[in-house]
Amino acid sequence: VQLQASGGGLVQAGGSLRLSCAVSGLNVNYNMGWFRQAPGKEREFVAAIRRSNINTYYADSVKGRFTISRDHAKNTVFLQMNSLKPEDTAIYYCSGTRSVTQLTNAKNYDYWGQGTQVTVSS
């Protein structure tokens, strides 16, 4: 199983980035999530999407600015991040889980990507 995250970088506040997570070895029955970890802080939930593509969930801090989506044909999960703020600076990780509940809890995820750095300058 491999989750390969990409798309991070340096952007000014107010800018946008689109993260991608290429998934191999997992079938479409997995729910997917994005988490982030800033220096000195614990890993925190950002967004999740169910295998149905119908239900999505967001942390309050990113609601209205970030959008999670997935392309089953390409086995890829995306995180569109708009109106970025300096406090969004972190390493972003994509993850996969068979759990159907508590998708906001990192402990429920079985597989993790290597992370991609997002830095937002003020």
C-alpha atoms as a PDB file:
ATOM      1  CA  VAL A   1       0.000   0.000   0.000  1.00  0.00           C
ATOM      2  CA  GLN A   2       1.302   3.410  -0.957  1.00  0.00           C
ATOM      3  CA  LEU A   3      -0.090   6.884  -0.464  1.00  0.00           C
ATOM      4  CA  GLN A   4       1.987   9.489  -2.272  1.00  0.00           C
ATOM      5  CA  ALA A   5       1.162  13.080  -1.362  1.00  0.00           C
ATOM      6  CA  SER A   6       2.304  15.984  -3.522  1.00  0.00           C
ATOM      7  CA  GLY A   7       1.471  19.578  -4.345  1.00  0.00           C
ATOM      8  CA  GLY A   8       2.807  21.354  -1.302  1.00  0.00           C
ATOM      9  CA  GLY A   9       4.942  24.457  -1.499  1.00  0.00           C
ATOM     10  CA  LEU A  10       5.426  28.055  -0.454  1.00  0.00           C
ATOM     11  CA  VAL A  11       2.544  30.463  -1.046  1.00  0.00           C
ATOM     12  CA  GLN A  12       1.595  33.921   0.167  1.00  0.00           C
ATOM     13  CA  ALA A  13      -1.359  34.431   2.455  1.00  0.00           C
ATOM     14  CA  GLY A  14      -4.569  34.492   0.455  1.00  0.00           C
ATOM     15  CA  GLY A  15      -3.163  32.157  -2.166  1.00  0.00           C
ATOM     16  CA  SER A  16      -4.166  28.644  -3.156  1.00  0.00           C
ATOM     17  CA  LEU A  17      -2.637  25.201  -3.414  1.00  0.00           C
ATOM     18  CA  ARG A  18      -3.980  21.862  -4.552  1.00  0.00           C
ATOM     19  CA  LEU A  19      -2.666  18.769  -2.837  1.00  0.00           C
ATOM     20  CA  SER A  20      -2.891  15.354  -4.457  1.00  0.00           C
ATOM     21  CA  CYS A  21      -2.628  11.907  -2.944  1.00  0.00           C
ATOM     22  CA  ALA A  22      -2.000   9.056  -5.350  1.00  0.00           C
ATOM     23  CA  VAL A  23      -3.185   5.793  -3.813  1.00  0.00           C
ATOM     24  CA  SER A  24      -2.033   2.325  -4.767  1.00  0.00           C
ATOM     25  CA  GLY A  25      -2.814  -0.985  -3.151  1.00  0.00           C
ATOM     26  CA  LEU A  26      -6.107   0.174  -1.683  1.00  0.00           C
ATOM     27  CA  ASN A  27      -9.462  -0.449  -3.240  1.00  0.00           C
ATOM     28  CA  VAL A  28     -12.257   2.087  -3.497  1.00  0.00           C
ATOM     29  CA  ASN A  29     -13.841   0.907  -0.250  1.00  0.00           C
ATOM     30  CA  TYR A  30     -11.554   3.043   1.843  1.00  0.00           C
ATOM     31  CA  ASN A  31     -12.552   6.347   3.338  1.00  0.00           C
ATOM     32  CA  MET A  32      -9.809   8.950   2.920  1.00  0.00           C
ATOM     33  CA  GLY A  33      -8.618  11.851   5.016  1.00  0.00           C
ATOM     34  CA  TRP A  34      -6.153  14.700   5.202  1.00  0.00           C
ATOM     35  CA  PHE A  35      -4.393  15.636   8.419  1.00  0.00           C
ATOM     36  CA  ARG A  36      -1.707  18.193   9.166  1.00  0.00           C
ATOM     37  CA  GLN A  37       0.994  18.704  11.728  1.00  0.00           C
ATOM     38  CA  ALA A  38       2.686  21.985  12.515  1.00  0.00           C
ATOM     39  CA  PRO A  39       6.020  22.157  14.373  1.00  0.00           C
ATOM     40  CA  GLY A  40       5.536  21.532  18.076  1.00  0.00           C
ATOM     41  CA  LYS A  41       1.888  20.624  17.655  1.00  0.00           C
ATOM     42  CA  GLU A  42      -0.073  17.401  17.473  1.00  0.00           C
ATOM     43  CA  ARG A  43      -1.394  16.035  14.226  1.00  0.00           C
ATOM     44  CA  GLU A  44      -4.846  17.447  13.556  1.00  0.00           C
ATOM     45  CA  PHE A  45      -7.748  16.544  11.323  1.00  0.00           C
ATOM     46  CA  VAL A  46      -8.299  18.672   8.227  1.00  0.00           C
ATOM     47  CA  ALA A  47     -10.828  16.910   5.982  1.00  0.00           C
ATOM     48  CA  ALA A  48     -12.259  13.500   5.130  1.00  0.00           C
ATOM     49  CA  ILE A  49     -14.320  11.967   2.377  1.00  0.00           C
ATOM     50  CA  ARG A  50     -16.294   8.739   2.360  1.00  0.00           C
ATOM     51  CA  ARG A  51     -15.845   6.114  -0.314  1.00  0.00           C
ATOM     52  CA  SER A  52     -19.259   7.086  -1.682  1.00  0.00           C
ATOM     53  CA  ASN A  53     -17.940  10.569  -2.565  1.00  0.00           C
ATOM     54  CA  ILE A  54     -21.163  11.930  -1.103  1.00  0.00           C
ATOM     55  CA  ASN A  55     -20.158  12.777   2.443  1.00  0.00           C
ATOM     56  CA  THR A  56     -17.319  15.115   3.302  1.00  0.00           C
ATOM     57  CA  TYR A  57     -16.162  16.479   6.640  1.00  0.00           C
ATOM     58  CA  TYR A  58     -14.004  19.464   7.556  1.00  0.00           C
ATOM     59  CA  ALA A  59     -12.298  20.950  10.552  1.00  0.00           C
ATOM     60  CA  ASP A  60     -13.911  24.216  11.578  1.00  0.00           C
ATOM     61  CA  SER A  61     -10.647  26.028  10.896  1.00  0.00           C
ATOM     62  CA  VAL A  62     -10.728  25.150   7.173  1.00  0.00           C
ATOM     63  CA  LYS A  63     -14.452  24.983   6.483  1.00  0.00           C
ATOM     64  CA  GLY A  64     -15.379  27.176   3.529  1.00  0.00           C
ATOM     65  CA  ARG A  65     -11.761  27.439   2.363  1.00  0.00           C
ATOM     66  CA  PHE A  66     -10.695  23.833   1.715  1.00  0.00           C
ATOM     67  CA  THR A  67     -12.400  21.215  -0.435  1.00  0.00           C
ATOM     68  CA  ILE A  68     -11.668  17.479  -0.409  1.00  0.00           C
ATOM     69  CA  SER A  69     -12.498  15.350  -3.424  1.00  0.00           C
ATOM     70  CA  ARG A  70     -11.519  12.033  -4.964  1.00  0.00           C
ATOM     71  CA  ASP A  71     -11.268  10.520  -8.394  1.00  0.00           C
ATOM     72  CA  HIS A  72     -11.936   6.792  -8.174  1.00  0.00           C
ATOM     73  CA  ALA A  73     -10.825   6.207 -11.761  1.00  0.00           C
ATOM     74  CA  LYS A  74      -7.418   7.710 -11.008  1.00  0.00           C
ATOM     75  CA  ASN A  75      -7.353   6.454  -7.407  1.00  0.00           C
ATOM     76  CA  THR A  76      -6.404   9.928  -6.279  1.00  0.00           C
ATOM     77  CA  VAL A  77      -7.607  12.168  -3.479  1.00  0.00           C
ATOM     78  CA  PHE A  78      -7.327  15.950  -3.678  1.00  0.00           C
ATOM     79  CA  LEU A  79      -7.355  18.812  -1.212  1.00  0.00           C
ATOM     80  CA  GLN A  80      -8.035  22.205  -2.771  1.00  0.00           C
ATOM     81  CA  MET A  81      -6.891  24.902  -0.378  1.00  0.00           C
ATOM     82  CA  ASN A  82      -7.981  28.491  -0.968  1.00  0.00           C
ATOM     83  CA  SER A  83      -7.582  31.692   1.042  1.00  0.00           C
ATOM     84  CA  LEU A  84      -4.570  30.219   2.784  1.00  0.00           C
ATOM     85  CA  LYS A  85      -3.448  31.678   6.089  1.00  0.00           C
ATOM     86  CA  PRO A  86      -0.060  31.535   7.854  1.00  0.00           C
ATOM     87  CA  GLU A  87      -1.652  29.267  10.462  1.00  0.00           C
ATOM     88  CA  ASP A  88      -2.242  26.681   7.716  1.00  0.00           C
ATOM     89  CA  THR A  89       1.519  26.114   7.590  1.00  0.00           C
ATOM     90  CA  ALA A  90       2.174  22.443   8.333  1.00  0.00           C
ATOM     91  CA  ILE A  91       3.093  19.095   6.861  1.00  0.00           C
ATOM     92  CA  TYR A  92      -0.043  17.662   5.265  1.00  0.00           C
ATOM     93  CA  TYR A  93      -0.649  13.915   5.298  1.00  0.00           C
ATOM     94  CA  CYS A  94      -3.164  11.863   3.391  1.00  0.00           C
ATOM     95  CA  SER A  95      -4.529   8.735   4.995  1.00  0.00           C
ATOM     96  CA  GLY A  96      -6.910   5.842   4.424  1.00  0.00           C
ATOM     97  CA  THR A  97      -9.259   3.957   6.715  1.00  0.00           C
ATOM     98  CA  ARG A  98     -11.902   1.233   6.612  1.00  0.00           C
ATOM     99  CA  SER A  99     -13.536   2.784   9.643  1.00  0.00           C
ATOM    100  CA  VAL A 100     -17.024   4.123   9.028  1.00  0.00           C
ATOM    101  CA  THR A 101     -17.126   6.284  12.143  1.00  0.00           C
ATOM    102  CA  GLN A 102     -14.986   9.000  13.698  1.00  0.00           C
ATOM    103  CA  LEU A 103     -13.212   9.917  10.499  1.00  0.00           C
ATOM    104  CA  THR A 104     -11.837  12.942  12.337  1.00  0.00           C
ATOM    105  CA  ASN A 105      -9.705  10.737  14.604  1.00  0.00           C
ATOM    106  CA  ALA A 106      -6.222   9.962  13.310  1.00  0.00           C
ATOM    107  CA  LYS A 107      -6.103   6.779  15.406  1.00  0.00           C
ATOM    108  CA  ASN A 108      -8.782   5.251  13.170  1.00  0.00           C
ATOM    109  CA  TYR A 109      -6.641   5.472  10.031  1.00  0.00           C
ATOM    110  CA  ASP A 110      -4.737   2.441   8.806  1.00  0.00           C
ATOM    111  CA  TYR A 111      -2.468   3.884   6.144  1.00  0.00           C
ATOM    112  CA  TRP A 112      -0.505   7.120   5.858  1.00  0.00           C
ATOM    113  CA  GLY A 113       1.409   8.945   3.167  1.00  0.00           C
ATOM    114  CA  GLN A 114       4.781  10.566   3.690  1.00  0.00           C
ATOM    115  CA  GLY A 115       3.466  14.130   3.926  1.00  0.00           C
ATOM    116  CA  THR A 116       3.946  17.271   1.884  1.00  0.00           C
ATOM    117  CA  GLN A 117       5.054  20.621   3.296  1.00  0.00           C
ATOM    118  CA  VAL A 118       2.778  23.625   2.981  1.00  0.00           C
ATOM    119  CA  THR A 119       4.204  27.001   3.994  1.00  0.00           C
ATOM    120  CA  VAL A 120       2.089  30.149   3.946  1.00  0.00           C
ATOM    121  CA  SER A 121       3.918  33.447   4.307  1.00  0.00           C
ATOM    122  CA  SER A 122       2.296  36.570   5.708  1.00  0.00           C
END
